[in-house]
């Protein structure tokens, strides 16, 4: 209860509405190509209720490309992971990785940071903000220990995880992925809301598949 999952297709990441009954918090906003669709989906899901805040798990363009459009529609504050906040303020497309990787992202403003080790409160839920480097060095996950709900972003999908970029982050990124998978395994997770694909509850199976994928990358980083 209180969580709406808008499962998106390529290019957009899923949108998650954490709704306390009066106002909602949006996690991730999809890609700029689908910004109009994102706004329409949110209008339908909110049904006239306000949007209190938008937070991003990380700043790859498929997760934050709709930020500008959503902010124009609702005027709510935006928070991003603490590491890239200065790059957002300066709109440095090299530091944000958009120029080196050829990503498109409409410029947006951020009002503050979501810090690893902190807490995001949405109604009765208190989400632990967890560092999840690997796919992106500043990526975050959100975990509700009361109900065992993990918003994993691209750290864990039902069949893998987000691509790792050794050219940008170095091969230590593989070690980061392994540590994050170990962290997820240590948590009492009952259901995972991933950045891409449908929610799932076979956490052990997903972790096993993710570790096989990681082993393949470590063996052949060119993949």
Protein backbone atom coordinates (compact mmCIF):
# COMPACT_ATOMS: atom_id res chain seq x y z
CA UNK A 1 0.00 0.00 0.00
CA UNK A 2 1.12 3.52 -0.79
CA UNK A 3 3.47 2.55 -3.63
CA UNK A 4 2.61 2.89 -7.31
CA UNK A 5 5.00 1.36 -9.83
CA UNK A 6 4.84 2.74 -13.36
CA UNK A 7 6.79 0.15 -15.32
CA UNK A 8 8.32 1.81 -18.35
CA UNK A 9 9.83 0.52 -21.56
CA UNK A 10 13.04 1.45 -23.31
CA UNK A 11 14.42 4.17 -22.98
CA UNK A 12 12.78 5.16 -19.72
CA UNK A 13 13.45 3.84 -16.24
CA UNK A 14 10.50 2.93 -14.04
CA UNK A 15 8.75 5.71 -12.12
CA UNK A 16 7.85 4.99 -8.49
CA UNK A 17 5.26 7.05 -6.61
CA UNK A 18 5.59 6.83 -2.83
CA UNK A 19 2.21 8.18 -1.73
CA UNK A 20 1.20 9.00 1.84
CA UNK A 21 -2.40 9.76 0.86
CA UNK A 22 -2.01 13.53 0.75
CA UNK A 23 1.12 14.17 -1.27
CA UNK A 24 3.48 11.91 -3.16
CA UNK A 25 7.23 11.58 -3.71
CA UNK A 26 8.41 10.50 -7.16
CA UNK A 27 11.51 8.34 -7.55
CA UNK A 28 13.09 8.81 -11.00
CA UNK A 29 11.49 10.49 -13.99
CA UNK A 30 12.39 8.54 -17.12
CA UNK A 31 14.07 9.78 -20.31
CA UNK A 32 13.53 13.16 -21.97
CA UNK A 33 12.22 11.47 -25.14
CA UNK A 34 9.23 10.25 -23.10
CA UNK A 35 8.78 13.34 -20.90
CA UNK A 36 5.26 14.13 -22.14
CA UNK A 37 4.21 10.52 -21.56
CA UNK A 38 5.75 10.62 -18.08
CA UNK A 39 3.74 13.72 -17.16
CA UNK A 40 0.54 12.13 -18.49
CA UNK A 41 1.14 8.92 -16.52
CA UNK A 42 1.81 10.87 -13.34
CA UNK A 43 -1.28 13.03 -13.79
CA UNK A 44 -3.38 9.88 -14.05
CA UNK A 45 -1.73 8.24 -11.04
CA UNK A 46 -1.91 11.34 -8.84
CA UNK A 47 -5.53 12.11 -9.76
CA UNK A 48 -5.22 15.73 -8.68
CA UNK A 49 -3.08 15.18 -5.58
CA UNK A 50 0.11 17.25 -5.27
CA UNK A 51 3.60 15.98 -5.97
CA UNK A 52 5.69 16.89 -2.94
CA UNK A 53 9.18 16.01 -4.16
CA UNK A 54 11.18 14.26 -6.87
CA UNK A 55 14.29 12.26 -5.98
CA UNK A 56 16.73 10.50 -8.29
CA UNK A 57 18.52 7.24 -7.57
CA UNK A 58 21.27 8.30 -9.99
CA UNK A 59 21.70 10.68 -12.88
CA UNK A 60 21.88 8.55 -15.99
CA UNK A 61 19.55 10.21 -18.46
CA UNK A 62 16.98 7.39 -18.48
CA UNK A 63 16.35 8.06 -14.77
CA UNK A 64 16.39 11.87 -14.64
CA UNK A 65 15.60 12.99 -18.19
CA UNK A 66 12.03 13.86 -17.23
CA UNK A 67 13.05 16.02 -14.25
CA UNK A 68 12.68 19.32 -16.08
CA UNK A 69 9.24 18.47 -17.50
CA UNK A 70 7.91 17.15 -14.19
CA UNK A 71 9.19 20.23 -12.38
CA UNK A 72 7.51 22.52 -14.92
CA UNK A 73 4.21 20.73 -14.33
CA UNK A 74 4.27 20.45 -10.51
CA UNK A 75 6.94 22.91 -9.33
CA UNK A 76 8.17 20.57 -6.61
CA UNK A 77 11.76 20.45 -5.29
CA UNK A 78 14.25 17.98 -6.77
CA UNK A 79 16.93 16.09 -4.85
CA UNK A 80 19.79 14.16 -6.44
CA UNK A 81 22.63 12.04 -5.02
CA UNK A 82 25.12 14.24 -3.17
CA UNK A 83 28.15 13.45 -5.37
CA UNK A 84 26.92 14.94 -8.65
CA UNK A 85 24.99 17.87 -7.13
CA UNK A 86 27.74 20.43 -7.97
CA UNK A 87 27.85 19.13 -11.56
CA UNK A 88 24.08 19.58 -11.85
CA UNK A 89 24.30 23.12 -10.50
CA UNK A 90 27.00 23.96 -13.08
CA UNK A 91 25.37 21.70 -15.69
CA UNK A 92 28.73 20.12 -16.49
CA UNK A 93 27.85 17.47 -19.08
CA UNK A 94 31.33 15.95 -18.92
CA UNK A 95 31.19 15.36 -15.15
CA UNK A 96 27.62 14.11 -15.50
CA UNK A 97 28.88 11.64 -18.17
CA UNK A 98 26.35 12.82 -20.76
CA UNK A 99 28.87 14.09 -23.30
CA UNK A 100 31.35 11.16 -23.04
CA UNK A 101 28.55 8.59 -23.40
CA UNK A 102 26.38 10.45 -25.91
CA UNK A 103 23.36 10.73 -23.58
CA UNK A 104 20.61 13.30 -24.02
CA UNK A 105 19.19 15.02 -20.95
CA UNK A 106 17.23 18.25 -20.69
CA UNK A 107 18.86 20.59 -18.19
CA UNK A 108 17.17 20.68 -14.81
CA UNK A 109 17.74 22.35 -11.45
CA UNK A 110 18.29 20.49 -8.17
CA UNK A 111 17.41 21.91 -4.77
CA UNK A 112 19.40 19.58 -2.57
CA UNK A 113 21.00 16.20 -2.08
CA UNK A 114 19.86 12.76 -1.04
CA UNK A 115 22.67 11.46 1.15
CA UNK A 116 23.72 7.82 1.59
CA UNK A 117 23.23 6.90 5.23
CA UNK A 118 20.26 9.23 5.55
CA UNK A 119 16.52 8.62 5.64
CA UNK A 120 13.71 9.52 3.24
CA UNK A 121 10.35 9.78 5.01
CA UNK A 122 7.20 9.28 2.94
CA UNK A 123 4.12 9.07 5.12
CA UNK A 124 4.41 6.04 7.39
CA UNK A 125 7.45 4.72 5.56
CA UNK A 126 11.02 5.54 6.51
CA UNK A 127 13.35 4.60 3.68
CA UNK A 128 17.02 3.97 4.42
CA UNK A 129 19.19 5.62 1.77
CA UNK A 130 21.94 3.17 0.78
CA UNK A 131 25.02 3.73 -1.39
CA UNK A 132 25.01 1.43 -4.43
CA UNK A 133 28.10 2.18 -6.56
CA UNK A 134 29.05 0.09 -9.57
CA UNK A 135 26.69 0.86 -12.44
CA UNK A 136 27.12 4.48 -11.37
CA UNK A 137 29.56 5.52 -8.64
CA UNK A 138 27.01 7.78 -6.92
CA UNK A 139 23.93 5.56 -7.31
CA UNK A 140 21.58 5.05 -4.37
CA UNK A 141 19.02 2.47 -3.28
CA UNK A 142 16.07 2.96 -0.90
CA UNK A 143 15.09 0.29 1.62
CA UNK A 144 12.00 0.14 3.82
CA UNK A 145 12.93 -2.32 6.61
CA UNK A 146 9.40 -2.39 7.98
CA UNK A 147 7.95 -4.11 4.92
CA UNK A 148 11.16 -5.35 3.29
CA UNK A 149 10.76 -3.23 0.15
CA UNK A 150 13.93 -2.40 -1.80
CA UNK A 151 14.05 0.23 -4.52
CA UNK A 152 17.14 -1.11 -6.24
CA UNK A 153 17.41 1.21 -9.27
CA UNK A 154 20.00 -0.44 -11.56
CA UNK A 155 21.92 -2.26 -8.80
CA UNK A 156 19.71 -5.35 -9.14
CA UNK A 157 17.19 -6.40 -11.77
CA UNK A 158 15.32 -9.68 -11.96
CA UNK A 159 17.85 -10.84 -14.56
CA UNK A 160 21.03 -8.90 -13.89
CA UNK A 161 21.91 -5.28 -13.24
CA UNK A 162 22.83 -2.11 -15.12
CA UNK A 163 25.84 -2.19 -17.41
CA UNK A 164 29.21 -1.39 -15.83
CA UNK A 165 31.47 1.16 -17.53
CA UNK A 166 35.13 0.30 -16.81
CA UNK A 167 36.24 3.05 -19.22
CA UNK A 168 34.57 5.67 -17.00
CA UNK A 169 34.78 4.21 -13.52
CA UNK A 170 37.70 1.77 -13.71
CA UNK A 171 37.55 -1.97 -13.19
CA UNK A 172 37.05 -1.37 -9.45
CA UNK A 173 33.42 -0.83 -10.48
CA UNK A 174 33.12 -4.63 -10.68
CA UNK A 175 34.20 -4.87 -7.04
CA UNK A 176 31.62 -2.21 -6.16
CA UNK A 177 28.89 -4.25 -7.84
CA UNK A 178 29.90 -7.32 -5.85
CA UNK A 179 29.80 -5.40 -2.57
CA UNK A 180 26.35 -4.01 -3.35
CA UNK A 181 25.02 -7.49 -4.18
CA UNK A 182 26.40 -8.66 -0.82
CA UNK A 183 24.65 -5.74 0.88
CA UNK A 184 21.32 -6.64 -0.72
CA UNK A 185 21.79 -10.26 0.35
CA UNK A 186 22.28 -9.10 3.95
CA UNK A 187 18.99 -7.20 4.06
CA UNK A 188 15.57 -8.75 4.86
CA UNK A 189 14.24 -7.93 1.39
CA UNK A 190 10.79 -9.27 0.52
CA UNK A 191 10.18 -7.46 -2.76
CA UNK A 192 12.42 -5.54 -5.16
CA UNK A 193 11.23 -2.55 -7.19
CA UNK A 194 13.91 -2.34 -9.90
CA UNK A 195 14.83 0.52 -12.17
CA UNK A 196 13.81 -1.55 -15.19
CA UNK A 197 11.36 -4.43 -15.43
CA UNK A 198 8.58 -5.65 -13.17
CA UNK A 199 8.78 -5.89 -9.38
CA UNK A 200 9.87 -9.33 -8.14
CA UNK A 201 10.15 -11.30 -4.91
CA UNK A 202 12.66 -14.06 -5.83
CA UNK A 203 15.55 -12.07 -4.43
CA UNK A 204 17.86 -15.07 -3.97
CA UNK A 205 17.37 -16.13 -7.59
CA UNK A 206 17.99 -12.62 -8.88
CA UNK A 207 21.17 -12.33 -6.82
CA UNK A 208 22.41 -15.64 -8.18
CA UNK A 209 21.79 -14.53 -11.78
CA UNK A 210 23.43 -11.16 -11.10
CA UNK A 211 26.56 -12.81 -9.69
CA UNK A 212 26.86 -15.04 -12.76
CA UNK A 213 26.61 -11.96 -14.96
CA UNK A 214 29.22 -10.17 -12.88
CA UNK A 215 31.60 -13.14 -13.07
CA UNK A 216 31.31 -12.99 -16.85
CA UNK A 217 32.18 -9.29 -16.87
CA UNK A 218 35.17 -9.78 -14.57
CA UNK A 219 36.46 -12.61 -16.77
CA UNK A 220 35.98 -10.55 -19.97
CA UNK A 221 35.78 -6.80 -19.19
CA UNK A 222 35.43 -5.98 -22.90
CA UNK A 223 31.87 -7.27 -22.66
